[in-house]
Amino acid sequence: MNDVSFTSCQNLRQLLLKNNRITSLSVSAFRGLSQLTELDLSDNRLSSLSKGLFRSCSVLSAVYLSHNQLTVVQVGTFAGPVSLRDVDLSWNKLTTLTADETRLTSLDRLSLSGNPLHCHCHLSWLSAYSVPVNHNTTICCPQHDVRPQLCRYIVCGVSHAACPATTLPTGLCSQTVPWSLIGK
């Protein structure tokens, strides 16, 4: 989608672009959509989200990005919306995710299910995350190794995750994950 796709839709509140084979989004794709509250980009072919993508969507409260091919969500992607409450990044190819300048830590719901997250300190913010995270399918694995005996379900609500440079975050990863969940 290009920079002028929605410039004449300034009063648009809901934009459903699910299952449209979208492969990329210009950083200005949603420029002018200051009234947009819900955006559904699920079931497309997106591989990355750029810094400032939602900058002009100040009242955006829900973004659905499940079942894409996302490997990167740049820091600053969610800068702009002040009322963001629901983000679905499930069933992508994300291996890490930063708290994005606290934008993601103030959500009511964050879904990361089905992503091959790598257990490292960049995910330690999830251990103290009080928002519902789908524990039964949100997993992390050592980098470049998705053998079931090494992968763990993410457990949130732990008060502290210690992260020495040589070990995995304690309290972040717990039970082992069945192969059926990883081998998709």
C-alpha atoms as a PDB file:
ATOM      1  CA  MET A   1       0.000   0.000   0.000  1.00  0.00           C
ATOM      2  CA  ASN A   2       1.292   3.432  -0.823  1.00  0.00           C
ATOM      3  CA  ASP A   3       1.210   6.869   0.820  1.00  0.00           C
ATOM      4  CA  VAL A   4      -2.078   8.008  -0.743  1.00  0.00           C
ATOM      5  CA  SER A   5      -4.209   4.883  -0.326  1.00  0.00           C
ATOM      6  CA  PHE A   6      -6.450   6.373   2.371  1.00  0.00           C
ATOM      7  CA  THR A   7      -5.897  10.151   2.210  1.00  0.00           C
ATOM      8  CA  SER A   8      -9.534  10.832   1.314  1.00  0.00           C
ATOM      9  CA  CYS A   9     -10.860   8.666   4.182  1.00  0.00           C
ATOM     10  CA  GLN A  10     -10.190  11.022   7.083  1.00  0.00           C
ATOM     11  CA  ASN A  11     -13.272   9.983   9.095  1.00  0.00           C
ATOM     12  CA  LEU A  12     -12.629   6.249   8.771  1.00  0.00           C
ATOM     13  CA  ARG A  13     -12.908   4.503  12.146  1.00  0.00           C
ATOM     14  CA  GLN A  14     -12.521   0.837  11.235  1.00  0.00           C
ATOM     15  CA  LEU A  15     -10.280  -0.551   8.488  1.00  0.00           C
ATOM     16  CA  LEU A  16     -10.503  -4.265   7.723  1.00  0.00           C
ATOM     17  CA  LEU A  17      -7.759  -5.412   5.357  1.00  0.00           C
ATOM     18  CA  LYS A  18      -7.723  -9.050   6.414  1.00  0.00           C
ATOM     19  CA  ASN A  19      -6.674 -11.670   3.862  1.00  0.00           C
ATOM     20  CA  ASN A  20      -5.617  -9.307   1.058  1.00  0.00           C
ATOM     21  CA  ARG A  21      -2.123 -10.653   0.286  1.00  0.00           C
ATOM     22  CA  ILE A  22      -0.547  -7.365   1.413  1.00  0.00           C
ATOM     23  CA  THR A  23       3.239  -7.750   1.429  1.00  0.00           C
ATOM     24  CA  SER A  24       4.398  -4.311   2.564  1.00  0.00           C
ATOM     25  CA  LEU A  25       3.173  -1.046   4.031  1.00  0.00           C
ATOM     26  CA  SER A  26       4.642   2.378   3.381  1.00  0.00           C
ATOM     27  CA  VAL A  27       5.558   4.204   6.588  1.00  0.00           C
ATOM     28  CA  SER A  28       2.889   6.768   5.590  1.00  0.00           C
ATOM     29  CA  ALA A  29       0.236   4.239   4.567  1.00  0.00           C
ATOM     30  CA  PHE A  30      -2.167   5.364   7.295  1.00  0.00           C
ATOM     31  CA  ARG A  31      -1.415   9.092   7.126  1.00  0.00           C
ATOM     32  CA  GLY A  32      -4.514  11.185   7.714  1.00  0.00           C
ATOM     33  CA  LEU A  33      -6.458   8.423   9.477  1.00  0.00           C
ATOM     34  CA  SER A  34      -6.656  10.343  12.742  1.00  0.00           C
ATOM     35  CA  GLN A  35     -10.096   8.866  13.604  1.00  0.00           C
ATOM     36  CA  LEU A  36      -9.096   5.206  13.042  1.00  0.00           C
ATOM     37  CA  THR A  37      -9.796   3.077  16.130  1.00  0.00           C
ATOM     38  CA  GLU A  38      -9.476  -0.465  14.740  1.00  0.00           C
ATOM     39  CA  LEU A  39      -7.137  -1.892  12.105  1.00  0.00           C
ATOM     40  CA  ASP A  40      -7.200  -5.522  10.971  1.00  0.00           C
ATOM     41  CA  LEU A  41      -4.237  -6.615   8.841  1.00  0.00           C
ATOM     42  CA  SER A  42      -4.491 -10.315   9.753  1.00  0.00           C
ATOM     43  CA  ASP A  43      -3.822 -13.080   7.241  1.00  0.00           C
ATOM     44  CA  ASN A  44      -1.604 -11.077   4.901  1.00  0.00           C
ATOM     45  CA  ARG A  45       2.050 -11.475   3.914  1.00  0.00           C
ATOM     46  CA  LEU A  46       3.684  -8.693   5.900  1.00  0.00           C
ATOM     47  CA  SER A  47       7.251  -9.398   7.024  1.00  0.00           C
ATOM     48  CA  SER A  48       8.084  -6.171   8.884  1.00  0.00           C
ATOM     49  CA  LEU A  49       6.484  -3.123  10.470  1.00  0.00           C
ATOM     50  CA  SER A  50       8.285   0.217  10.171  1.00  0.00           C
ATOM     51  CA  LYS A  51       9.005   2.817  12.821  1.00  0.00           C
ATOM     52  CA  GLY A  52       6.219   5.418  12.860  1.00  0.00           C
ATOM     53  CA  LEU A  53       3.750   3.280  10.887  1.00  0.00           C
ATOM     54  CA  PHE A  54       0.852   4.218  13.191  1.00  0.00           C
ATOM     55  CA  ARG A  55       2.086   7.731  14.061  1.00  0.00           C
ATOM     56  CA  SER A  56      -0.947   9.584  12.650  1.00  0.00           C
ATOM     57  CA  CYS A  57      -3.474   7.135  14.149  1.00  0.00           C
ATOM     58  CA  SER A  58      -3.704   8.835  17.539  1.00  0.00           C
ATOM     59  CA  VAL A  59      -6.983   7.167  18.664  1.00  0.00           C
ATOM     60  CA  LEU A  60      -6.126   3.668  17.414  1.00  0.00           C
ATOM     61  CA  SER A  61      -7.093   1.166  20.122  1.00  0.00           C
ATOM     62  CA  ALA A  62      -6.834  -2.230  18.382  1.00  0.00           C
ATOM     63  CA  VAL A  63      -4.357  -3.609  15.837  1.00  0.00           C
ATOM     64  CA  TYR A  64      -4.704  -7.168  14.556  1.00  0.00           C
ATOM     65  CA  LEU A  65      -1.618  -8.535  12.776  1.00  0.00           C
ATOM     66  CA  SER A  66      -1.957 -12.279  13.307  1.00  0.00           C
ATOM     67  CA  HIS A  67      -1.036 -14.847  10.653  1.00  0.00           C
ATOM     68  CA  ASN A  68       1.421 -12.736   8.683  1.00  0.00           C
ATOM     69  CA  GLN A  69       5.123 -13.431   8.182  1.00  0.00           C
ATOM     70  CA  LEU A  70       6.395 -10.769  10.575  1.00  0.00           C
ATOM     71  CA  THR A  71      10.017 -11.170  11.606  1.00  0.00           C
ATOM     72  CA  VAL A  72      10.580  -7.535  12.653  1.00  0.00           C
ATOM     73  CA  VAL A  73       8.545  -4.967  14.529  1.00  0.00           C
ATOM     74  CA  GLN A  74      10.783  -1.922  14.740  1.00  0.00           C
ATOM     75  CA  VAL A  75      10.984   0.152  17.918  1.00  0.00           C
ATOM     76  CA  GLY A  76       8.623   3.078  17.421  1.00  0.00           C
ATOM     77  CA  THR A  77       6.130   1.177  15.263  1.00  0.00           C
ATOM     78  CA  PHE A  78       3.401   1.776  17.841  1.00  0.00           C
ATOM     79  CA  ALA A  79       4.392   5.381  18.605  1.00  0.00           C
ATOM     80  CA  GLY A  80       1.433   7.661  18.046  1.00  0.00           C
ATOM     81  CA  PRO A  81      -1.664   5.898  19.384  1.00  0.00           C
ATOM     82  CA  VAL A  82      -2.370   7.087  22.919  1.00  0.00           C
ATOM     83  CA  SER A  83      -5.286   4.688  23.501  1.00  0.00           C
ATOM     84  CA  LEU A  84      -3.769   1.450  22.193  1.00  0.00           C
ATOM     85  CA  ARG A  85      -5.290  -1.424  24.200  1.00  0.00           C
ATOM     86  CA  ASP A  86      -5.234  -4.575  22.045  1.00  0.00           C
ATOM     87  CA  VAL A  87      -2.371  -5.852  19.868  1.00  0.00           C
ATOM     88  CA  ASP A  88      -2.444  -9.270  18.212  1.00  0.00           C
ATOM     89  CA  LEU A  89       0.929 -10.375  16.818  1.00  0.00           C
ATOM     90  CA  SER A  90       0.176 -14.102  17.047  1.00  0.00           C
ATOM     91  CA  TRP A  91       1.296 -16.738  14.566  1.00  0.00           C
ATOM     92  CA  ASN A  92       4.065 -14.782  12.906  1.00  0.00           C
ATOM     93  CA  LYS A  93       7.812 -15.425  12.825  1.00  0.00           C
ATOM     94  CA  LEU A  94       8.903 -13.039  15.571  1.00  0.00           C
ATOM     95  CA  THR A  95      11.985 -14.118  17.510  1.00  0.00           C
ATOM     96  CA  THR A  96      12.160 -11.030  19.750  1.00  0.00           C
ATOM     97  CA  LEU A  97      10.084  -8.013  20.649  1.00  0.00           C
ATOM     98  CA  THR A  98      11.002  -4.941  22.649  1.00  0.00           C
ATOM     99  CA  ALA A  99       8.595  -3.180  24.965  1.00  0.00           C
ATOM    100  CA  ASP A 100       8.624  -0.349  22.408  1.00  0.00           C
ATOM    101  CA  GLU A 101       9.109   2.592  24.734  1.00  0.00           C
ATOM    102  CA  THR A 102       6.410   1.260  27.109  1.00  0.00           C
ATOM    103  CA  ARG A 103       3.685   1.320  24.405  1.00  0.00           C
ATOM    104  CA  LEU A 104       3.210  -2.440  24.660  1.00  0.00           C
ATOM    105  CA  THR A 105       3.337  -2.561  28.454  1.00  0.00           C
ATOM    106  CA  SER A 106       0.179  -0.470  28.826  1.00  0.00           C
ATOM    107  CA  LEU A 107      -2.073  -2.774  26.793  1.00  0.00           C
ATOM    108  CA  ASP A 108      -5.140  -4.652  28.010  1.00  0.00           C
ATOM    109  CA  ARG A 109      -4.252  -7.600  25.734  1.00  0.00           C
ATOM    110  CA  LEU A 110      -1.133  -8.693  23.878  1.00  0.00           C
ATOM    111  CA  SER A 111      -1.141 -11.898  21.858  1.00  0.00           C
ATOM    112  CA  LEU A 112       2.217 -13.409  20.896  1.00  0.00           C
ATOM    113  CA  SER A 113       1.026 -17.009  20.481  1.00  0.00           C
ATOM    114  CA  GLY A 114       2.749 -19.187  17.928  1.00  0.00           C
ATOM    115  CA  ASN A 115       5.882 -17.054  17.472  1.00  0.00           C
ATOM    116  CA  PRO A 116       9.320 -18.723  17.805  1.00  0.00           C
ATOM    117  CA  LEU A 117      10.516 -16.204  20.401  1.00  0.00           C
ATOM    118  CA  HIS A 118      14.150 -16.581  21.504  1.00  0.00           C
ATOM    119  CA  CYS A 119      14.682 -16.732  25.264  1.00  0.00           C
ATOM    120  CA  HIS A 120      16.938 -13.778  26.029  1.00  0.00           C
ATOM    121  CA  CYS A 121      16.945 -10.620  28.066  1.00  0.00           C
ATOM    122  CA  HIS A 122      15.169  -8.599  25.396  1.00  0.00           C
ATOM    123  CA  LEU A 123      12.028 -10.493  26.466  1.00  0.00           C
ATOM    124  CA  SER A 124      12.516  -9.991  30.194  1.00  0.00           C
ATOM    125  CA  TRP A 125       9.875  -7.220  30.196  1.00  0.00           C
ATOM    126  CA  LEU A 126       7.302  -9.982  29.564  1.00  0.00           C
ATOM    127  CA  SER A 127       8.038 -11.632  32.911  1.00  0.00           C
ATOM    128  CA  ALA A 128       6.609  -8.697  34.825  1.00  0.00           C
ATOM    129  CA  TYR A 129       3.853  -8.052  32.312  1.00  0.00           C
ATOM    130  CA  SER A 130       0.488  -7.938  34.060  1.00  0.00           C
ATOM    131  CA  VAL A 131      -1.650  -7.989  30.908  1.00  0.00           C
ATOM    132  CA  PRO A 132      -3.130 -11.301  29.766  1.00  0.00           C
ATOM    133  CA  VAL A 133      -0.684 -13.063  27.477  1.00  0.00           C
ATOM    134  CA  ASN A 134      -1.727 -16.373  25.961  1.00  0.00           C
ATOM    135  CA  HIS A 135       0.497 -18.588  28.123  1.00  0.00           C
ATOM    136  CA  ASN A 136      -0.493 -21.903  26.580  1.00  0.00           C
ATOM    137  CA  THR A 137       0.903 -21.064  23.129  1.00  0.00           C
ATOM    138  CA  THR A 138       3.397 -18.252  23.738  1.00  0.00           C
ATOM    139  CA  ILE A 139       6.801 -19.897  23.696  1.00  0.00           C
ATOM    140  CA  CYS A 140      10.459 -19.024  23.651  1.00  0.00           C
ATOM    141  CA  CYS A 141      13.400 -21.109  22.469  1.00  0.00           C
ATOM    142  CA  PRO A 142      17.175 -20.711  22.571  1.00  0.00           C
ATOM    143  CA  GLN A 143      18.332 -18.822  19.491  1.00  0.00           C
ATOM    144  CA  HIS A 144      18.558 -21.070  16.402  1.00  0.00           C
ATOM    145  CA  ASP A 145      17.358 -24.152  18.284  1.00  0.00           C
ATOM    146  CA  VAL A 146      13.674 -25.064  18.341  1.00  0.00           C
ATOM    147  CA  ARG A 147      13.980 -28.602  19.689  1.00  0.00           C
ATOM    148  CA  PRO A 148      10.981 -29.227  21.981  1.00  0.00           C
ATOM    149  CA  GLN A 149      13.139 -30.192  24.952  1.00  0.00           C
ATOM    150  CA  LEU A 150      14.772 -26.739  24.860  1.00  0.00           C
ATOM    151  CA  CYS A 151      11.709 -24.571  24.201  1.00  0.00           C
ATOM    152  CA  ARG A 152       9.515 -23.336  27.040  1.00  0.00           C
ATOM    153  CA  TYR A 153       6.161 -21.689  27.540  1.00  0.00           C
ATOM    154  CA  ILE A 154       6.451 -18.059  28.584  1.00  0.00           C
ATOM    155  CA  VAL A 155       5.194 -17.404  32.080  1.00  0.00           C
ATOM    156  CA  CYS A 156       4.196 -13.866  32.944  1.00  0.00           C
ATOM    157  CA  GLY A 157       3.546 -12.253  36.269  1.00  0.00           C
ATOM    158  CA  VAL A 158       6.882 -13.274  37.796  1.00  0.00           C
ATOM    159  CA  SER A 159       8.229 -10.396  39.844  1.00  0.00           C
ATOM    160  CA  HIS A 160      11.795 -10.434  38.511  1.00  0.00           C
ATOM    161  CA  ALA A 161      13.681 -12.025  35.654  1.00  0.00           C
ATOM    162  CA  ALA A 162      17.414 -12.175  36.252  1.00  0.00           C
ATOM    163  CA  CYS A 163      19.364 -11.853  33.040  1.00  0.00           C
ATOM    164  CA  PRO A 164      23.087 -12.455  33.324  1.00  0.00           C
ATOM    165  CA  ALA A 165      24.628 -12.389  29.851  1.00  0.00           C
ATOM    166  CA  THR A 166      25.385 -16.105  29.890  1.00  0.00           C
ATOM    167  CA  THR A 167      22.026 -17.510  30.999  1.00  0.00           C
ATOM    168  CA  LEU A 168      18.406 -17.495  29.973  1.00  0.00           C
ATOM    169  CA  PRO A 169      16.030 -15.259  31.922  1.00  0.00           C
ATOM    170  CA  THR A 170      14.880 -17.082  35.038  1.00  0.00           C
ATOM    171  CA  GLY A 171      11.168 -16.975  35.620  1.00  0.00           C
ATOM    172  CA  LEU A 172      10.489 -16.150  31.980  1.00  0.00           C
ATOM    173  CA  CYS A 173      10.527 -19.637  30.490  1.00  0.00           C
ATOM    174  CA  SER A 174       9.052 -22.595  32.309  1.00  0.00           C
ATOM    175  CA  GLN A 175       7.411 -25.796  31.030  1.00  0.00           C
ATOM    176  CA  THR A 176       8.681 -27.603  27.946  1.00  0.00           C
ATOM    177  CA  VAL A 177       6.731 -27.277  24.714  1.00  0.00           C
ATOM    178  CA  PRO A 178       5.356 -30.222  22.704  1.00  0.00           C
ATOM    179  CA  TRP A 179       6.790 -30.725  19.223  1.00  0.00           C
ATOM    180  CA  SER A 180       3.335 -30.326  17.678  1.00  0.00           C
ATOM    181  CA  LEU A 181       3.325 -26.659  18.644  1.00  0.00           C
ATOM    182  CA  ILE A 182       6.818 -25.922  17.285  1.00  0.00           C
ATOM    183  CA  GLY A 183       6.906 -28.103  14.206  1.00  0.00           C
ATOM    184  CA  LYS A 184       4.360 -26.097  12.217  1.00  0.00           C
END
